[in-house]
Protein backbone atom coordinates (compact mmCIF):
# COMPACT_ATOMS: atom_id res chain seq x y z
CA MET A 1 53.54 113.16 133.90
CA LYS A 2 54.16 114.38 130.35
CA GLU A 3 52.12 117.32 129.14
CA ARG A 4 49.70 116.43 126.36
CA GLU A 5 47.45 118.28 123.94
CA LYS A 6 45.20 117.54 121.00
CA CYS A 7 46.83 116.38 117.78
CA ALA A 8 45.10 119.16 115.81
CA GLN A 9 46.47 121.80 118.18
CA ALA A 10 49.97 120.35 117.93
CA MET A 11 49.77 120.36 114.12
CA VAL A 12 48.72 124.00 114.03
CA LYS A 13 51.58 124.95 116.38
CA ILE A 14 54.04 123.19 114.08
CA LEU A 15 52.68 125.11 111.10
CA GLU A 16 53.08 128.34 113.10
CA SER A 17 56.70 127.46 113.85
CA GLU A 18 57.28 126.92 110.11
CA GLY A 19 56.18 130.48 109.41
CA VAL A 20 52.85 129.64 107.78
CA LYS A 21 50.83 132.86 107.48
CA TYR A 22 47.77 131.75 105.53
CA ILE A 23 45.72 128.60 105.15
CA PHE A 24 43.16 128.44 102.35
CA GLY A 25 40.17 126.23 102.94
CA HIS A 26 36.54 125.47 103.54
CA PRO A 27 35.35 123.87 106.81
CA GLY A 28 33.33 120.68 107.13
CA GLU A 29 32.40 118.20 109.85
CA GLN A 30 35.39 115.85 109.75
CA ILE A 31 38.00 118.63 109.79
CA LEU A 32 36.40 120.68 112.60
CA PRO A 33 39.02 119.77 115.26
CA PHE A 34 41.67 121.33 113.03
CA TYR A 35 39.53 124.44 112.54
CA ASP A 36 39.01 124.76 116.28
CA ALA A 37 42.78 124.74 116.76
CA LEU A 38 43.19 127.21 113.90
CA ARG A 39 40.68 129.55 115.58
CA LYS A 40 43.18 130.08 118.41
CA SER A 41 46.16 130.54 116.08
CA LYS A 42 47.88 133.58 114.61
CA ILE A 43 47.67 131.87 111.22
CA LYS A 44 44.99 133.53 109.11
CA HIS A 45 42.40 131.29 107.50
CA VAL A 46 41.10 132.37 104.07
CA LEU A 47 37.56 131.13 103.53
CA MET A 48 37.19 130.27 99.85
CA ARG A 49 33.78 129.67 98.33
CA HIS A 50 34.79 126.29 96.87
CA GLU A 51 37.55 123.86 97.79
CA GLN A 52 38.94 123.95 94.25
CA GLY A 53 39.50 127.65 94.80
CA ALA A 54 41.34 126.90 98.04
CA ALA A 55 43.84 124.68 96.24
CA HIS A 56 44.34 127.19 93.41
CA ALA A 57 44.81 130.04 95.89
CA ALA A 58 47.38 128.06 97.90
CA ASP A 59 49.14 127.15 94.64
CA ALA A 60 49.44 130.78 93.53
CA TYR A 61 50.51 131.86 97.02
CA ALA A 62 53.39 129.39 96.74
CA ARG A 63 54.36 130.53 93.23
CA ILE A 64 54.58 134.17 94.29
CA SER A 65 56.01 133.79 97.81
CA GLY A 66 58.48 131.01 97.01
CA ASN A 67 57.22 129.09 100.06
CA PHE A 68 54.82 126.17 100.22
CA GLY A 69 51.08 126.80 100.23
CA VAL A 70 48.55 125.15 102.56
CA CYS A 71 44.95 124.17 101.76
CA VAL A 72 42.42 122.41 103.97
CA ALA A 73 39.11 120.62 103.35
CA SER A 74 36.81 118.13 104.99
CA ALA A 75 36.25 114.49 104.08
CA GLY A 76 34.52 113.13 100.99
CA PRO A 77 33.08 115.92 98.81
CA GLY A 78 35.33 118.53 100.38
CA ALA A 79 38.49 116.54 99.75
CA LEU A 80 37.50 115.61 96.22
CA ASN A 81 36.76 119.22 95.35
CA LEU A 82 40.48 119.86 95.95
CA VAL A 83 41.53 117.39 93.26
CA MET A 84 41.61 119.85 90.33
CA GLY A 85 43.79 122.30 92.22
CA VAL A 86 46.12 119.64 93.62
CA ALA A 87 46.60 118.12 90.16
CA THR A 88 47.43 121.60 88.86
CA ALA A 89 50.12 122.01 91.51
CA TYR A 90 51.45 118.51 90.85
CA LYS A 91 51.93 119.09 87.12
CA ASP A 92 53.96 122.24 87.80
CA SER A 93 55.82 120.85 90.85
CA VAL A 94 54.37 123.48 93.19
CA PRO A 95 54.95 122.72 96.91
CA LEU A 96 51.56 122.33 98.54
CA LEU A 97 50.51 120.90 101.90
CA VAL A 98 47.03 119.40 101.55
CA ILE A 99 45.23 118.57 104.81
CA THR A 100 41.88 116.80 104.64
CA GLY A 101 39.57 115.44 107.27
CA ASP A 102 38.38 111.83 107.20
CA VAL A 103 35.78 109.69 108.92
CA PRO A 104 36.67 108.43 112.42
CA MET A 105 38.89 105.35 112.66
CA ASP A 106 36.30 103.19 114.40
CA ILE A 107 33.88 103.38 111.45
CA SER A 108 36.42 103.68 108.65
CA GLY A 109 36.14 101.05 105.95
CA SER A 110 32.40 100.44 106.41
CA ASP A 111 31.25 102.75 103.60
CA VAL A 112 29.78 105.33 105.94
CA PHE A 113 28.45 108.77 105.06
CA GLN A 114 30.91 110.75 102.87
CA GLU A 115 33.61 108.07 103.11
CA VAL A 116 35.96 107.56 100.16
CA ASP A 117 39.52 106.28 99.93
CA THR A 118 41.05 109.73 99.87
CA PRO A 119 44.73 108.65 99.78
CA ALA A 120 44.06 106.35 96.81
CA ILE A 121 42.41 109.17 94.89
CA PHE A 122 45.22 111.63 95.58
CA LYS A 123 48.15 109.24 95.10
CA PRO A 124 48.62 109.90 91.34
CA ILE A 125 48.68 113.69 91.86
CA THR A 126 50.92 114.02 94.92
CA ILE A 127 54.56 113.31 95.68
CA SER A 128 53.55 111.79 99.03
CA THR A 129 50.19 110.59 100.31
CA ASN A 130 49.65 109.85 104.00
CA ARG A 131 46.74 108.54 106.02
CA ILE A 132 47.18 109.45 109.68
CA ASN A 133 46.38 106.44 111.88
CA ASN A 134 47.07 107.87 115.35
CA PRO A 135 47.76 111.27 116.93
CA GLU A 136 51.53 110.78 117.25
CA GLU A 137 51.72 109.82 113.59
CA GLY A 138 49.87 113.03 112.72
CA VAL A 139 52.59 115.15 114.30
CA LEU A 140 55.53 113.16 112.95
CA LYS A 141 54.18 112.83 109.41
CA LEU A 142 53.41 116.53 109.31
CA LYS A 143 56.97 117.36 110.33
CA LYS A 144 58.38 114.96 107.75
CA SER A 145 56.12 116.43 105.09
CA LEU A 146 57.31 119.94 105.87
CA LYS A 147 60.92 118.87 105.48
CA MET A 148 60.09 117.27 102.15
CA LEU A 149 58.42 120.47 100.97
CA ARG A 150 61.46 122.53 101.89
CA TYR A 151 64.33 120.25 100.93
CA GLY A 152 63.12 117.49 98.62
CA LYS A 153 61.59 117.48 95.17
CA THR A 154 58.65 119.85 95.08
CA GLY A 155 54.97 119.04 94.69
CA PRO A 156 51.80 118.49 96.74
CA ILE A 157 51.74 116.30 99.87
CA LEU A 158 48.49 114.92 101.33
CA LEU A 159 47.73 114.32 104.99
CA SER A 160 44.36 112.57 105.39
CA CYS A 161 43.34 112.98 109.04
CA PRO A 162 40.44 111.08 110.66
CA LYS A 163 38.39 113.28 112.96
CA ASP A 164 39.04 111.20 116.09
CA VAL A 165 42.78 111.20 115.42
CA LEU A 166 42.77 115.00 115.27
CA GLU A 167 40.97 115.05 118.63
CA GLY A 168 43.36 112.55 120.19
CA ALA A 169 46.17 113.59 122.53
CA VAL A 170 49.92 113.67 121.90
CA ASP A 171 52.90 114.43 124.12
CA LYS A 172 53.83 118.10 123.77
CA TYR A 173 57.53 117.30 123.43
CA LEU A 174 56.83 115.89 119.97
CA ILE A 175 56.15 119.40 118.69
CA ASP A 176 59.81 120.39 119.08
CA LYS A 177 61.32 116.96 118.45
CA GLU A 178 63.71 116.88 115.51
CA THR A 179 62.83 114.45 112.73
CA ASP A 180 65.25 113.15 110.15
CA PHE A 181 64.47 113.30 106.47
CA PRO A 182 67.68 112.48 104.63
CA ILE A 183 67.71 112.97 100.86
CA LYS A 184 69.33 109.78 99.63
CA ILE A 185 72.25 110.70 97.40
CA ASN A 186 75.15 108.50 96.30
CA PHE A 187 77.90 111.09 96.72
CA ALA A 188 80.57 109.06 94.94
CA ASP A 189 78.30 108.74 91.94
CA LEU A 190 77.32 112.40 92.23
CA ASN A 191 80.92 113.62 92.22
CA ASP A 192 81.70 111.54 89.14
CA LYS A 193 78.67 112.92 87.28
CA VAL A 194 79.44 116.50 88.28
CA ASN A 195 83.04 116.16 87.07
CA ARG A 196 81.82 114.76 83.75
CA ALA A 197 79.31 117.58 83.46
CA ILE A 198 81.99 120.19 84.13
CA LYS A 199 84.17 118.81 81.33
CA LEU A 200 81.25 118.88 78.93
CA ILE A 201 80.43 122.48 79.83
CA GLU A 202 84.06 123.60 79.58
CA ASN A 203 84.48 122.10 76.10
CA ALA A 204 81.06 123.02 74.72
CA LYS A 205 81.27 125.37 71.75
CA LYS A 206 77.51 125.88 71.55
CA PRO A 207 76.13 125.50 75.08
CA LEU A 208 72.60 126.44 76.09
CA ILE A 209 71.10 126.80 79.56
CA LEU A 210 67.51 125.59 79.87
CA VAL A 211 65.82 127.06 82.93
CA GLY A 212 62.99 125.18 84.62
CA ALA A 213 60.87 126.21 87.59
CA GLY A 214 63.22 124.25 89.88
CA VAL A 215 65.59 127.24 89.74
CA PHE A 216 62.90 129.36 91.39
CA TRP A 217 62.01 126.78 94.03
CA SER A 218 65.66 126.31 94.97
CA LYS A 219 66.00 130.12 95.24
CA ALA A 220 68.86 130.01 92.76
CA THR A 221 67.89 132.86 90.41
CA ASP A 222 70.88 135.01 91.41
CA LYS A 223 73.26 132.06 91.06
CA LEU A 224 71.84 131.35 87.61
CA LEU A 225 72.41 134.95 86.53
CA LYS A 226 76.03 134.91 87.72
CA PHE A 227 76.69 131.56 86.02
CA ALA A 228 75.23 132.65 82.68
CA GLU A 229 77.02 136.00 82.69
CA LYS A 230 80.40 134.66 83.85
CA TYR A 231 80.60 132.02 81.12
CA GLN A 232 78.49 133.85 78.51
CA ILE A 233 75.99 131.05 78.00
CA PRO A 234 72.63 131.90 76.37
CA VAL A 235 69.46 131.12 78.31
CA SER A 236 66.11 129.63 77.30
CA THR A 237 63.22 128.87 79.65
CA THR A 238 60.33 126.48 79.92
CA TYR A 239 56.83 127.93 80.27
CA PRO A 240 56.64 127.45 84.09
CA ALA A 241 60.00 129.22 84.43
CA ARG A 242 59.02 132.38 82.56
CA GLY A 243 60.36 135.33 84.52
CA VAL A 244 63.02 133.37 86.40
CA PHE A 245 65.57 134.95 84.03
CA SER A 246 64.85 138.51 82.92
CA ASN A 247 63.36 138.71 79.44
CA GLU A 248 65.32 141.95 78.95
CA HIS A 249 68.75 140.36 79.52
CA PRO A 250 70.97 140.16 76.40
CA LEU A 251 71.63 136.44 77.01
CA PHE A 252 67.90 135.64 77.11
CA LEU A 253 66.58 133.85 74.03
CA GLY A 254 62.97 133.28 75.07
CA MET A 255 60.81 130.27 75.77
CA ILE A 256 61.75 127.00 74.10
CA GLY A 257 59.59 124.27 72.59
CA VAL A 258 56.07 124.26 71.20
CA ARG A 259 55.59 128.01 71.75
CA GLY A 260 59.28 128.79 71.60
CA THR A 261 60.84 131.86 70.02
CA GLU A 262 62.83 131.66 66.81
CA ALA A 263 66.11 132.23 68.67
CA SER A 264 65.39 129.77 71.45
CA ASN A 265 64.31 126.92 69.21
CA PHE A 266 67.24 127.52 66.83
CA ALA A 267 69.60 127.34 69.81
CA GLY A 268 67.90 124.18 71.06
CA LYS A 269 68.23 122.48 67.69
CA HIS A 270 71.89 123.49 67.17
CA ALA A 271 73.42 123.42 70.67
CA ASP A 272 76.05 120.79 71.41
CA VAL A 273 75.42 120.77 75.19
CA LEU A 274 72.17 121.60 76.98
CA ILE A 275 72.38 122.39 80.70
CA SER A 276 68.88 121.68 82.02
CA LEU A 277 68.33 123.24 85.44
CA GLY A 278 65.21 122.18 87.33
CA SER A 279 63.13 121.14 84.33
CA ARG A 280 61.33 117.83 83.80
CA LEU A 281 61.91 118.18 80.03
CA SER A 282 58.30 117.69 78.96
CA GLU A 283 57.36 116.77 75.42
CA ARG A 284 56.39 120.40 74.75
CA THR A 285 59.86 121.53 75.82
CA MET A 286 61.69 118.76 73.95
CA ALA A 287 59.97 119.85 70.72
CA GLY A 288 62.53 122.65 70.56
CA ILE A 289 65.61 120.54 71.35
CA GLY A 290 67.80 118.63 68.89
CA GLY A 291 70.41 115.92 69.32
CA CYS A 292 72.65 117.66 71.85
CA LYS A 293 74.10 116.10 74.99
CA ILE A 294 71.82 116.97 77.90
CA ILE A 295 73.07 117.57 81.43
CA GLN A 296 69.94 117.36 83.58
CA ILE A 297 69.92 118.59 87.16
CA ASN A 298 66.73 117.65 89.00
CA LEU A 299 65.96 116.19 92.42
CA ASP A 300 63.19 114.11 90.84
CA GLU A 301 64.80 110.99 89.41
CA ASN A 302 61.58 110.12 87.59
CA SER A 303 62.13 113.11 85.30
CA HIS A 304 65.68 112.19 84.34
CA LYS A 305 66.20 111.73 80.61
CA GLY A 306 69.58 113.34 79.96
CA TYR A 307 73.03 112.19 78.84
CA ILE A 308 74.24 112.99 82.37
CA ASN A 309 71.54 112.94 85.07
CA ILE A 310 72.35 114.62 88.37
CA LYS A 311 70.06 114.31 91.39
CA GLN A 312 70.93 117.53 93.17
CA ASP A 313 69.50 120.87 94.17
CA VAL A 314 70.02 123.36 91.34
CA GLY A 315 71.59 125.94 93.63
CA ASP A 316 74.03 123.42 95.07
CA PHE A 317 75.03 122.37 91.55
CA LEU A 318 75.65 125.95 90.44
CA ASP A 319 77.85 126.48 93.51
CA LEU A 320 80.25 123.91 92.05
CA LEU A 321 80.69 125.78 88.77
CA ILE A 322 82.75 128.69 90.04
CA ASP A 323 86.08 128.22 88.26
CA LEU A 324 85.54 126.70 84.83
CA LYS A 325 87.97 127.05 81.94
CA VAL A 326 85.61 127.40 79.02
CA VAL A 327 86.24 127.76 75.29
CA ASP A 328 85.35 130.97 73.46
CA ARG A 329 81.60 131.29 72.67
CA GLU A 330 81.59 134.63 70.83
CA GLU A 331 80.86 133.04 67.45
CA TRP A 332 77.91 131.10 68.93
CA LEU A 333 76.40 134.23 70.46
CA GLU A 334 76.82 136.13 67.19
CA GLU A 335 75.03 133.35 65.34
CA LEU A 336 72.12 133.41 67.78
CA GLY A 337 71.93 137.19 67.47
CA LYS A 338 70.51 136.78 63.97
CA TYR A 339 67.30 135.28 65.32
CA SER A 340 64.37 136.92 67.08
CA THR A 341 63.87 136.53 70.82
CA SER A 342 60.28 137.77 70.58
CA TYR A 343 57.21 137.02 68.49
CA LYS A 344 56.18 139.05 65.46
CA ILE A 345 52.54 139.73 66.27
CA ARG A 346 50.55 142.65 64.88
CA THR A 347 48.58 144.46 67.58
CA ASP A 348 47.69 147.87 66.09
CA TYR A 349 44.12 146.94 65.22
CA ASN A 350 41.35 149.52 65.63
CA GLU A 351 38.42 147.41 64.47
CA ILE A 352 35.21 146.73 66.36
CA PRO A 353 34.72 144.09 67.68
CA ILE A 354 38.11 144.34 69.31
CA LYS A 355 40.88 141.98 68.21
CA PRO A 356 42.09 139.93 71.20
CA GLN A 357 45.75 140.64 70.43
CA ARG A 358 45.07 144.40 70.69
CA ALA A 359 43.19 143.85 73.94
CA ILE A 360 46.00 141.78 75.47
CA LYS A 361 48.69 144.28 74.47
CA ASP A 362 46.82 147.17 76.05
CA ILE A 363 46.02 145.17 79.20
CA LEU A 364 49.69 144.23 79.61
CA ASP A 365 50.83 147.81 78.94
CA ALA A 366 48.47 149.02 81.68
CA SER A 367 49.72 146.36 84.10
CA GLN A 368 53.47 147.01 84.02
CA ASP A 369 53.87 147.19 87.80
CA SER A 370 51.30 144.49 88.60
CA ILE A 371 51.41 140.73 89.00
CA VAL A 372 49.62 139.15 86.06
CA VAL A 373 47.60 135.98 86.64
CA ASN A 374 46.66 134.19 83.42
CA ASP A 375 43.73 131.79 83.17
CA ALA A 376 43.47 129.10 80.46
CA GLY A 377 41.79 129.76 77.12
CA SER A 378 42.49 131.22 73.69
CA HIS A 379 43.66 134.45 75.33
CA THR A 380 46.46 132.47 76.99
CA THR A 381 48.31 132.21 73.69
CA TRP A 382 48.17 135.96 73.08
CA VAL A 383 49.58 136.60 76.56
CA THR A 384 52.38 134.10 75.88
CA LEU A 385 53.26 135.74 72.57
CA LEU A 386 53.09 139.35 73.72
CA GLN A 387 54.28 139.46 77.33
CA ARG A 388 57.85 140.30 78.31
CA ILE A 389 58.58 139.35 81.93
CA LYS A 390 61.34 141.26 83.67
CA LYS A 391 61.54 139.52 87.03
CA PRO A 392 60.46 136.42 88.95
CA SER A 393 57.15 136.25 90.79
CA SER A 394 55.44 138.72 88.47
CA PHE A 395 53.46 136.23 86.39
CA VAL A 396 51.31 133.23 87.36
CA PHE A 397 49.95 130.55 85.04
CA SER A 398 49.25 126.86 85.47
CA GLY A 399 51.24 125.68 82.46
CA GLY A 400 51.39 121.92 83.01
CA PHE A 401 47.69 121.23 83.65
CA ALA A 402 46.14 124.53 82.53
CA PRO A 403 42.61 124.22 83.94
CA MET A 404 40.04 126.83 83.02
CA GLY A 405 38.99 128.67 86.16
CA TYR A 406 42.45 128.87 87.74
CA GLY A 407 42.81 132.64 87.46
CA ILE A 408 40.29 134.15 89.87
CA PRO A 409 41.07 131.99 92.93
CA ALA A 410 44.78 132.17 92.09
CA ALA A 411 44.51 135.95 92.32
CA VAL A 412 43.51 135.59 95.98
CA GLY A 413 46.69 133.67 96.83
CA ALA A 414 48.91 135.92 94.72
CA SER A 415 47.52 139.05 96.36
CA LEU A 416 48.06 137.75 99.90
CA ALA A 417 51.62 136.73 98.99
CA GLU A 418 52.38 140.25 97.66
CA PRO A 419 49.90 142.62 99.35
CA GLN A 420 51.64 145.74 98.03
CA LYS A 421 51.04 144.71 94.42
CA THR A 422 47.91 144.97 92.33
CA ILE A 423 46.91 141.67 90.73
CA VAL A 424 45.63 141.69 87.15
CA VAL A 425 43.72 138.57 86.12
CA ILE A 426 43.31 137.85 82.41
CA VAL A 427 40.45 135.41 81.90
CA GLY A 428 38.00 134.40 79.20
CA ASP A 429 34.24 134.22 79.57
CA GLY A 430 34.40 130.42 79.74
CA GLY A 431 37.05 130.21 82.44
CA PHE A 432 35.51 133.06 84.43
CA GLN A 433 32.25 131.18 84.87
CA MET A 434 33.99 128.13 86.31
CA THR A 435 35.15 129.88 89.49
CA SER A 436 33.38 133.26 89.48
CA GLN A 437 32.07 132.60 93.00
CA GLU A 438 35.50 133.60 94.30
CA LEU A 439 34.58 137.20 93.50
CA ALA A 440 32.97 137.05 96.93
CA THR A 441 36.33 136.15 98.51
CA ILE A 442 38.11 138.95 96.66
CA LYS A 443 35.49 141.47 97.78
CA GLN A 444 35.36 140.25 101.38
CA LEU A 445 39.14 140.59 101.70
CA LYS A 446 39.13 143.92 99.80
CA LEU A 447 41.99 142.72 97.61
CA PRO A 448 43.51 144.97 94.91
CA VAL A 449 42.51 142.65 92.08
CA THR A 450 41.58 143.83 88.59
CA ILE A 451 39.82 141.19 86.51
CA CYS A 452 40.13 141.66 82.75
CA LEU A 453 37.41 139.47 81.26
CA LEU A 454 37.74 138.85 77.52
CA ASN A 455 34.28 138.00 76.23
CA ASN A 456 34.05 136.27 72.84
CA GLN A 457 30.84 134.44 73.76
CA SER A 458 32.46 131.09 73.08
CA LEU A 459 35.03 128.49 74.02
CA GLY A 460 37.34 129.99 71.43
CA ILE A 461 40.25 127.58 71.28
CA ILE A 462 37.99 124.51 71.30
CA LYS A 463 35.94 126.06 68.51
CA GLN A 464 39.15 126.53 66.51
CA TRP A 465 40.23 122.92 67.02
CA GLN A 466 36.81 121.72 65.92
CA ARG A 467 37.05 123.77 62.73
CA ILE A 468 40.50 122.39 61.97
CA HIS A 469 39.84 118.73 62.68
CA TYR A 470 36.09 118.27 62.17
CA ASP A 471 35.06 121.05 59.73
CA SER A 472 32.27 122.09 62.09
CA THR A 473 31.60 123.34 65.61
CA TYR A 474 29.43 121.91 68.37
CA GLU A 475 28.51 123.11 71.86
CA VAL A 476 31.10 125.88 72.06
CA ASP A 477 28.92 129.00 71.90
CA LEU A 478 28.00 130.64 75.21
CA GLU A 479 24.90 132.60 76.16
CA ASN A 480 26.50 134.69 78.88
CA PRO A 481 25.06 136.71 81.75
CA ASP A 482 25.62 140.44 82.05
CA PHE A 483 29.09 140.27 83.59
CA VAL A 484 29.05 143.90 84.73
CA LYS A 485 25.81 143.35 86.63
CA LEU A 486 27.18 140.09 88.02
CA ALA A 487 30.26 141.86 89.40
CA LYS A 488 28.09 144.60 90.88
CA ALA A 489 25.96 141.95 92.58
CA TYR A 490 29.14 141.14 94.52
CA ASN A 491 29.53 144.90 95.23
CA ILE A 492 32.50 145.04 92.85
CA ASP A 493 32.73 148.01 90.49
CA ALA A 494 32.80 147.09 86.81
CA ARG A 495 32.58 148.44 83.29
CA CYS A 496 32.33 147.05 79.76
CA VAL A 497 34.70 148.13 76.97
CA ASN A 498 33.64 147.90 73.32
CA SER A 499 36.14 150.25 71.69
CA PRO A 500 39.89 149.46 71.36
CA GLY A 501 40.77 153.03 72.24
CA ASP A 502 39.27 152.62 75.72
CA ILE A 503 41.07 149.44 76.84
CA TYR A 504 44.29 150.93 78.23
CA SER A 505 42.61 153.75 80.16
CA ALA A 506 39.94 151.45 81.61
CA VAL A 507 42.48 148.92 82.88
CA LYS A 508 44.93 151.56 84.12
CA LYS A 509 42.17 153.31 86.06
CA ALA A 510 41.08 150.00 87.61
CA VAL A 511 44.66 149.08 88.58
CA ASP A 512 45.30 152.49 90.13
CA LEU A 513 42.18 152.20 92.31
CA LYS A 514 43.80 149.27 94.18
CA ARG A 515 40.51 147.58 94.94
CA PRO A 516 38.38 144.85 93.35
CA TYR A 517 37.34 145.85 89.83
CA LEU A 518 36.14 144.04 86.71
CA VAL A 519 36.78 145.24 83.16
CA GLU A 520 34.86 143.30 80.53
CA VAL A 521 36.28 143.58 77.01
CA ILE A 522 34.08 142.49 74.10
CA ILE A 523 36.37 140.81 71.57
CA ASP A 524 36.03 139.32 68.09
CA ARG A 525 34.48 135.88 68.50
CA ASP A 526 35.95 134.65 65.20
CA GLU A 527 39.59 135.67 65.68
CA GLU A 528 41.77 132.55 65.88
CA ILE A 529 45.11 132.07 67.59
CA PRO A 530 48.27 131.32 65.57
CA LEU A 531 49.12 127.65 65.91
CA PRO A 532 52.73 126.48 66.35
CA GLU A 533 54.06 124.32 63.53
CA THR A 534 54.83 121.48 65.92
CA VAL A 535 51.17 121.25 66.90
CA ALA A 536 49.31 122.21 63.74
């Protein structure tokens, strides 16, 4: 007789075999069989205070570790609370395994307590959505999903698991059974496209490499560096790929597009060939690109919009470009050298209330050896304009969806992915109050997280847009709590900074303590961000 065990136990064992170290979640009735299996596992469960926080934490864990993240929730309300975080991961192509409970099969479809069509809700924000109909399917679909996360296009995958299915039995041999997940590629067509791309690159007089986050997920950062240096091709990045190529490298031009640098956008407008590596070429990126011929390398065919579109792993593509005979590009590099690769932003303000650009500069200066997690708000722009990133996995921001409230739960995942590093969260007073309950998680885990809370008592960027487009403001001013007392209620040390001369020392002291700490900075509520010409 074949040995059998519960589906939930088999799923947890498979996750163990894949090297999963952490699962971020919140338990509920319909997912309890999975939690019971997890209780006996070496995988550590991280109890977040809200399911949205679980998804954001798993997302940031993936961005820093380079591996997929895992989040878990129960049926109905629990699953739907994940939606914000899953959509965030989807927009930035972050590999995420999302496991939710569901009502038992025998009562499914009869509108019972907490029942919703979870797969239908998640379908637009995942690369694969699966309802598990029997225990064997649970094991096989999990294994297929894990292969997709490692070898296919990246993004979130949902497994919706009815409670009785998780409790059902499967044959143990299925745990170790190999499953096929072939990536369908027409190799004849691929070879033709690669050969055409090589000729374009060899003959390009003004080439430009555009780096997307796909370079990071394919673990091709070293290959990219060798390719750029060998053929002396300048490099621009998308927002999600900031840090994939060192900002200090002489070939680096900066971010391209809506918030692009002068050098990067000039190169984009005047290049004859653009080599797009792992980017979906969003409208914000394309704002900095002219009429050049685009070679686009991306496993996601839905993102293809180039002159030559190649469905291939970025690293595999770069492996083919080892012996090119390129034309001289010295004149092109000299031309680009006339333009700035950084932003001309004044920061030496000493006024009270503190200017946000001064605050951000001092926070970044005090966080040189830390991982910076950036929330969404008006401060986000100042971070973008002032930060120079030297290496991958040192900066986290949800660029594609940019929800307020991402930063604090993301700090949990980032810290567990790099436990030797201090995490510095930069967040506004609006975003902070959307997920501040995760202070409890940070304190419980004793994580080295410094939260820099910029308080302008308003939803600053929305206020600015209202002034520009409607000549008035409405419902954007905040009557805030005492944030220092709030942090201390969670047993987290905190202080408030009102003077610009105290910012650096306050943040540096907090970072050096290597424990949870909150630094509130009171900033000018009327200071507006500079708007890019393509948006204004």
